């Protein structure tokens, strides 16, 4: 049950931060391809969250 909640929270954070990043980027630079810009925002947000998740882990 806690795994489902963790995945749900991760998805909420991922899409929330990606949407905020997309809105800020589109307001600064106009784009004719908003879908590509949103997908890039999702990829960047996922990579940042993954990096933060790896900081606390030690290599075994």
PDB file of N, CA and C in Angstrom:
ATOM      1  N   UNK A   1       0.816  -1.196   0.000  1.00  0.00           N
ATOM      2  CA  UNK A   1       0.000   0.000   0.000  1.00  0.00           C
ATOM      3  C   UNK A   1       0.856   1.254   0.000  1.00  0.00           C
ATOM      4  N   UNK A   2       1.964   1.218   0.748  1.00  0.00           N
ATOM      5  CA  UNK A   2       2.814   2.404   0.800  1.00  0.00           C
ATOM      6  C   UNK A   2       3.526   2.636  -0.534  1.00  0.00           C
ATOM      7  N   UNK A   3       3.764   1.558  -1.297  1.00  0.00           N
ATOM      8  CA  UNK A   3       4.392   1.718  -2.613  1.00  0.00           C
ATOM      9  C   UNK A   3       3.464   2.457  -3.571  1.00  0.00           C
ATOM     10  N   UNK A   4       2.176   2.161  -3.499  1.00  0.00           N
ATOM     11  CA  UNK A   4       1.197   2.836  -4.357  1.00  0.00           C
ATOM     12  C   UNK A   4       1.131   4.320  -4.009  1.00  0.00           C
ATOM     13  N   UNK A   5       1.148   4.623  -2.728  1.00  0.00           N
ATOM     14  CA  UNK A   5       1.118   6.020  -2.289  1.00  0.00           C
ATOM     15  C   UNK A   5       2.390   6.738  -2.724  1.00  0.00           C
ATOM     16  N   UNK A   6       3.525   6.067  -2.620  1.00  0.00           N
ATOM     17  CA  UNK A   6       4.792   6.676  -3.034  1.00  0.00           C
ATOM     18  C   UNK A   6       4.803   6.977  -4.532  1.00  0.00           C
ATOM     19  N   UNK A   7       4.323   6.046  -5.325  1.00  0.00           N
ATOM     20  CA  UNK A   7       4.264   6.253  -6.777  1.00  0.00           C
ATOM     21  C   UNK A   7       3.304   7.390  -7.103  1.00  0.00           C
ATOM     22  N   UNK A   8       2.164   7.426  -6.442  1.00  0.00           N
ATOM     23  CA  UNK A   8       1.179   8.475  -6.665  1.00  0.00           C
ATOM     24  C   UNK A   8       1.752   9.849  -6.311  1.00  0.00           C
ATOM     25  N   UNK A   9       2.432   9.947  -5.176  1.00  0.00           N
ATOM     26  CA  UNK A   9       3.056  11.213  -4.777  1.00  0.00           C
ATOM     27  C   UNK A   9       4.158  11.622  -5.750  1.00  0.00           C
ATOM     28  N   UNK A  10       4.946  10.653  -6.214  1.00  0.00           N
ATOM     29  CA  UNK A  10       5.998  10.938  -7.183  1.00  0.00           C
ATOM     30  C   UNK A  10       5.410  11.502  -8.472  1.00  0.00           C
ATOM     31  N   UNK A  11       4.317  10.901  -8.950  1.00  0.00           N
ATOM     32  CA  UNK A  11       3.688  11.381 -10.177  1.00  0.00           C
ATOM     33  C   UNK A  11       3.100  12.776 -10.006  1.00  0.00           C
ATOM     34  N   UNK A  12       2.509  13.032  -8.842  1.00  0.00           N
ATOM     35  CA  UNK A  12       1.972  14.376  -8.581  1.00  0.00           C
ATOM     36  C   UNK A  12       3.093  15.402  -8.590  1.00  0.00           C
ATOM     37  N   UNK A  13       4.194  15.093  -7.917  1.00  0.00           N
ATOM     38  CA  UNK A  13       5.330  16.024  -7.877  1.00  0.00           C
ATOM     39  C   UNK A  13       5.936  16.185  -9.266  1.00  0.00           C
ATOM     40  N   UNK A  14       6.088  15.074  -9.990  1.00  0.00           N
ATOM     41  CA  UNK A  14       6.670  15.119 -11.330  1.00  0.00           C
ATOM     42  C   UNK A  14       5.856  16.008 -12.256  1.00  0.00           C
ATOM     43  N   UNK A  15       4.558  15.762 -12.351  1.00  0.00           N
ATOM     44  CA  UNK A  15       3.732  16.543 -13.269  1.00  0.00           C
ATOM     45  C   UNK A  15       3.530  17.972 -12.778  1.00  0.00           C
ATOM     46  N   UNK A  16       3.494  18.174 -11.468  1.00  0.00           N
ATOM     47  CA  UNK A  16       3.350  19.530 -10.929  1.00  0.00           C
ATOM     48  C   UNK A  16       4.554  20.397 -11.233  1.00  0.00           C
ATOM     49  N   UNK A  17       5.732  19.884 -10.954  1.00  0.00           N
ATOM     50  CA  UNK A  17       6.964  20.640 -11.204  1.00  0.00           C
ATOM     51  C   UNK A  17       7.186  20.816 -12.705  1.00  0.00           C
ATOM     52  N   UNK A  18       6.895  19.790 -13.492  1.00  0.00           N
ATOM     53  CA  UNK A  18       7.052  19.897 -14.946  1.00  0.00           C
ATOM     54  C   UNK A  18       6.105  20.946 -15.520  1.00  0.00           C
ATOM     55  N   UNK A  19       4.898  21.012 -14.995  1.00  0.00           N
ATOM     56  CA  UNK A  19       3.944  22.014 -15.467  1.00  0.00           C
ATOM     57  C   UNK A  19       4.409  23.415 -15.110  1.00  0.00           C
ATOM     58  N   UNK A  20       4.903  23.591 -13.889  1.00  0.00           N
ATOM     59  CA  UNK A  20       5.429  24.906 -13.501  1.00  0.00           C
ATOM     60  C   UNK A  20       6.626  25.307 -14.354  1.00  0.00           C
ATOM     61  N   UNK A  21       7.515  24.361 -14.625  1.00  0.00           N
ATOM     62  CA  UNK A  21       8.669  24.633 -15.475  1.00  0.00           C
ATOM     63  C   UNK A  21       8.219  24.976 -16.887  1.00  0.00           C
ATOM     64  N   UNK A  22       7.238  24.240 -17.402  1.00  0.00           N
ATOM     65  CA  UNK A  22       6.721  24.496 -18.752  1.00  0.00           C
ATOM     66  C   UNK A  22       6.093  25.883 -18.840  1.00  0.00           C
ATOM     67  N   UNK A  23       5.287  26.237 -17.869  1.00  0.00           N
ATOM     68  CA  UNK A  23       4.636  27.555 -17.888  1.00  0.00           C
ATOM     69  C   UNK A  23       5.665  28.667 -17.821  1.00  0.00           C
ATOM     70  N   UNK A  24       6.677  28.500 -16.980  1.00  0.00           N
ATOM     71  CA  UNK A  24       7.703  29.541 -16.887  1.00  0.00           C
ATOM     72  C   UNK A  24       8.534  29.632 -18.166  1.00  0.00           C
ATOM     73  N   UNK A  25       8.852  28.506 -18.769  1.00  0.00           N
ATOM     74  CA  UNK A  25       9.625  28.534 -20.010  1.00  0.00           C
ATOM     75  C   UNK A  25       8.834  29.126 -21.171  1.00  0.00           C
ATOM     76  N   UNK A  26       7.561  28.786 -21.271  1.00  0.00           N
ATOM     77  CA  UNK A  26       6.732  29.303 -22.358  1.00  0.00           C
ATOM     78  C   UNK A  26       6.480  30.792 -22.176  1.00  0.00           C
ATOM     79  N   UNK A  27       6.403  31.250 -20.930  1.00  0.00           N
ATOM     80  CA  UNK A  27       6.206  32.684 -20.719  1.00  0.00           C
ATOM     81  C   UNK A  27       7.459  33.476 -21.078  1.00  0.00           C
ATOM     82  N   UNK A  28       8.641  32.861 -20.948  1.00  0.00           N
ATOM     83  CA  UNK A  28       9.885  33.546 -21.304  1.00  0.00           C
ATOM     84  C   UNK A  28      10.125  33.452 -22.804  1.00  0.00           C
ATOM     85  N   UNK A  29      10.048  32.234 -23.328  1.00  0.00           N
ATOM     86  CA  UNK A  29      10.269  32.018 -24.758  1.00  0.00           C
ATOM     87  C   UNK A  29       8.994  31.468 -25.380  1.00  0.00           C
ATOM     88  N   UNK A  30       8.513  32.144 -26.405  1.00  0.00           N
ATOM     89  CA  UNK A  30       7.352  31.631 -27.124  1.00  0.00           C
ATOM     90  C   UNK A  30       7.750  30.402 -27.925  1.00  0.00           C
ATOM     91  N   UNK A  31       6.842  29.469 -28.063  1.00  0.00           N
ATOM     92  CA  UNK A  31       7.141  28.252 -28.804  1.00  0.00           C
ATOM     93  C   UNK A  31       5.983  27.901 -29.721  1.00  0.00           C
ATOM     94  N   UNK A  32       6.307  27.298 -30.838  1.00  0.00           N
ATOM     95  CA  UNK A  32       5.272  26.813 -31.747  1.00  0.00           C
ATOM     96  C   UNK A  32       4.997  25.337 -31.525  1.00  0.00           C
ATOM     97  N   UNK A  33       5.798  24.690 -30.694  1.00  0.00           N
ATOM     98  CA  UNK A  33       5.633  23.264 -30.378  1.00  0.00           C
ATOM     99  C   UNK A  33       5.512  23.078 -28.862  1.00  0.00           C
ATOM    100  N   UNK A  34       4.347  23.350 -28.290  1.00  0.00           N
ATOM    101  CA  UNK A  34       4.215  23.235 -26.836  1.00  0.00           C
ATOM    102  C   UNK A  34       4.298  21.797 -26.322  1.00  0.00           C
ATOM    103  N   UNK A  35       3.935  20.825 -27.139  1.00  0.00           N
ATOM    104  CA  UNK A  35       3.997  19.426 -26.682  1.00  0.00           C
ATOM    105  C   UNK A  35       5.446  19.010 -26.466  1.00  0.00           C
ATOM    106  N   UNK A  36       6.307  19.389 -27.383  1.00  0.00           N
ATOM    107  CA  UNK A  36       7.725  19.053 -27.241  1.00  0.00           C
ATOM    108  C   UNK A  36       8.316  19.762 -26.026  1.00  0.00           C
ATOM    109  N   UNK A  37       7.937  21.012 -25.816  1.00  0.00           N
ATOM    110  CA  UNK A  37       8.432  21.752 -24.655  1.00  0.00           C
ATOM    111  C   UNK A  37       7.967  21.096 -23.360  1.00  0.00           C
ATOM    112  N   UNK A  38       6.718  20.621 -23.317  1.00  0.00           N
ATOM    113  CA  UNK A  38       6.227  19.966 -22.106  1.00  0.00           C
ATOM    114  C   UNK A  38       6.936  18.631 -21.876  1.00  0.00           C
ATOM    115  N   UNK A  39       7.157  17.873 -22.932  1.00  0.00           N
ATOM    116  CA  UNK A  39       7.876  16.607 -22.781  1.00  0.00           C
ATOM    117  C   UNK A  39       9.307  16.828 -22.294  1.00  0.00           C
ATOM    118  N   UNK A  40       9.957  17.861 -22.804  1.00  0.00           N
ATOM    119  CA  UNK A  40      11.301  18.182 -22.320  1.00  0.00           C
ATOM    120  C   UNK A  40      11.266  18.601 -20.852  1.00  0.00           C
ATOM    121  N   UNK A  41      10.231  19.315 -20.446  1.00  0.00           N
ATOM    122  CA  UNK A  41      10.077  19.686 -19.041  1.00  0.00           C
ATOM    123  C   UNK A  41       9.899  18.453 -18.173  1.00  0.00           C
ATOM    124  N   UNK A  42       9.127  17.478 -18.658  1.00  0.00           N
ATOM    125  CA  UNK A  42       8.958  16.232 -17.913  1.00  0.00           C
ATOM    126  C   UNK A  42      10.277  15.473 -17.776  1.00  0.00           C
ATOM    127  N   UNK A  43      11.040  15.417 -18.860  1.00  0.00           N
ATOM    128  CA  UNK A  43      12.319  14.699 -18.831  1.00  0.00           C
ATOM    129  C   UNK A  43      13.286  15.371 -17.863  1.00  0.00           C
ATOM    130  N   UNK A  44      13.380  16.677 -17.931  1.00  0.00           N
ATOM    131  CA  UNK A  44      14.293  17.410 -17.043  1.00  0.00           C
ATOM    132  C   UNK A  44      13.881  17.224 -15.587  1.00  0.00           C
ATOM    133  N   UNK A  45      12.584  17.314 -15.318  1.00  0.00           N
ATOM    134  CA  UNK A  45      12.102  17.147 -13.945  1.00  0.00           C
ATOM    135  C   UNK A  45      12.376  15.734 -13.440  1.00  0.00           C
ATOM    136  N   UNK A  46      12.166  14.736 -14.279  1.00  0.00           N
ATOM    137  CA  UNK A  46      12.448  13.357 -13.878  1.00  0.00           C
ATOM    138  C   UNK A  46      13.931  13.170 -13.570  1.00  0.00           C
ATOM    139  N   UNK A  47      14.795  13.728 -14.396  1.00  0.00           N
ATOM    140  CA  UNK A  47      16.230  13.599 -14.146  1.00  0.00           C
ATOM    141  C   UNK A  47      16.638  14.290 -12.856  1.00  0.00           C
ATOM    142  N   UNK A  48      16.060  15.445 -12.567  1.00  0.00           N
ATOM    143  CA  UNK A  48      16.379  16.156 -11.319  1.00  0.00           C
ATOM    144  C   UNK A  48      15.887  15.360 -10.115  1.00  0.00           C
ATOM    145  N   UNK A  49      14.650  14.854 -10.174  1.00  0.00           N
ATOM    146  CA  UNK A  49      14.135  14.060  -9.053  1.00  0.00           C
ATOM    147  C   UNK A  49      14.938  12.780  -8.864  1.00  0.00           C
ATOM    148  N   UNK A  50      15.368  12.164  -9.958  1.00  0.00           N
ATOM    149  CA  UNK A  50      16.182  10.963  -9.867  1.00  0.00           C
ATOM    150  C   UNK A  50      17.529  11.269  -9.220  1.00  0.00           C
ATOM    151  N   UNK A  51      18.113  12.387  -9.568  1.00  0.00           N
ATOM    152  CA  UNK A  51      19.388  12.790  -8.974  1.00  0.00           C
ATOM    153  C   UNK A  51      19.237  13.027  -7.480  1.00  0.00           C
ATOM    154  N   UNK A  52      18.161  13.705  -7.068  1.00  0.00           N
ATOM    155  CA  UNK A  52      17.926  13.914  -5.644  1.00  0.00           C
ATOM    156  C   UNK A  52      17.709  12.589  -4.922  1.00  0.00           C
ATOM    157  N   UNK A  53      17.092  11.627  -5.583  1.00  0.00           N
ATOM    158  CA  UNK A  53      16.891  10.317  -4.974  1.00  0.00           C
ATOM    159  C   UNK A  53      18.175   9.532  -4.816  1.00  0.00           C
ATOM    160  N   UNK A  54      19.146   9.770  -5.703  1.00  0.00           N
ATOM    161  CA  UNK A  54      20.413   9.044  -5.655  1.00  0.00           C
ATOM    162  C   UNK A  54      21.402   9.663  -4.669  1.00  0.00           C
ATOM    163  N   UNK A  55      21.160  10.883  -4.233  1.00  0.00           N
ATOM    164  CA  UNK A  55      22.111  11.561  -3.342  1.00  0.00           C
ATOM    165  C   UNK A  55      22.257  10.801  -2.015  1.00  0.00           C
ATOM    166  N   UNK A  56      21.151  10.340  -1.442  1.00  0.00           N
ATOM    167  CA  UNK A  56      21.208   9.673  -0.151  1.00  0.00           C
ATOM    168  C   UNK A  56      21.656   8.230  -0.193  1.00  0.00           C
ATOM    169  N   UNK A  57      21.712   7.641  -1.370  1.00  0.00           N
ATOM    170  CA  UNK A  57      22.078   6.228  -1.473  1.00  0.00           C
ATOM    171  C   UNK A  57      23.590   6.071  -1.570  1.00  0.00           C
ATOM    172  N   UNK A  58      24.090   5.015  -0.965  1.00  0.00           N
ATOM    173  CA  UNK A  58      25.502   4.702  -1.055  1.00  0.00           C
ATOM    174  C   UNK A  58      25.692   3.516  -1.972  1.00  0.00           C
ATOM    175  N   UNK A  59      26.802   3.494  -2.710  1.00  0.00           N
ATOM    176  CA  UNK A  59      27.115   2.350  -3.566  1.00  0.00           C
ATOM    177  C   UNK A  59      27.578   1.179  -2.710  1.00  0.00           C
ATOM    178  N   UNK A  60      27.058   0.022  -3.013  1.00  0.00           N
ATOM    179  CA  UNK A  60      27.427  -1.161  -2.219  1.00  0.00           C
ATOM    180  C   UNK A  60      28.280  -2.085  -3.037  1.00  0.00           C
TER     181      UNK A  60
END
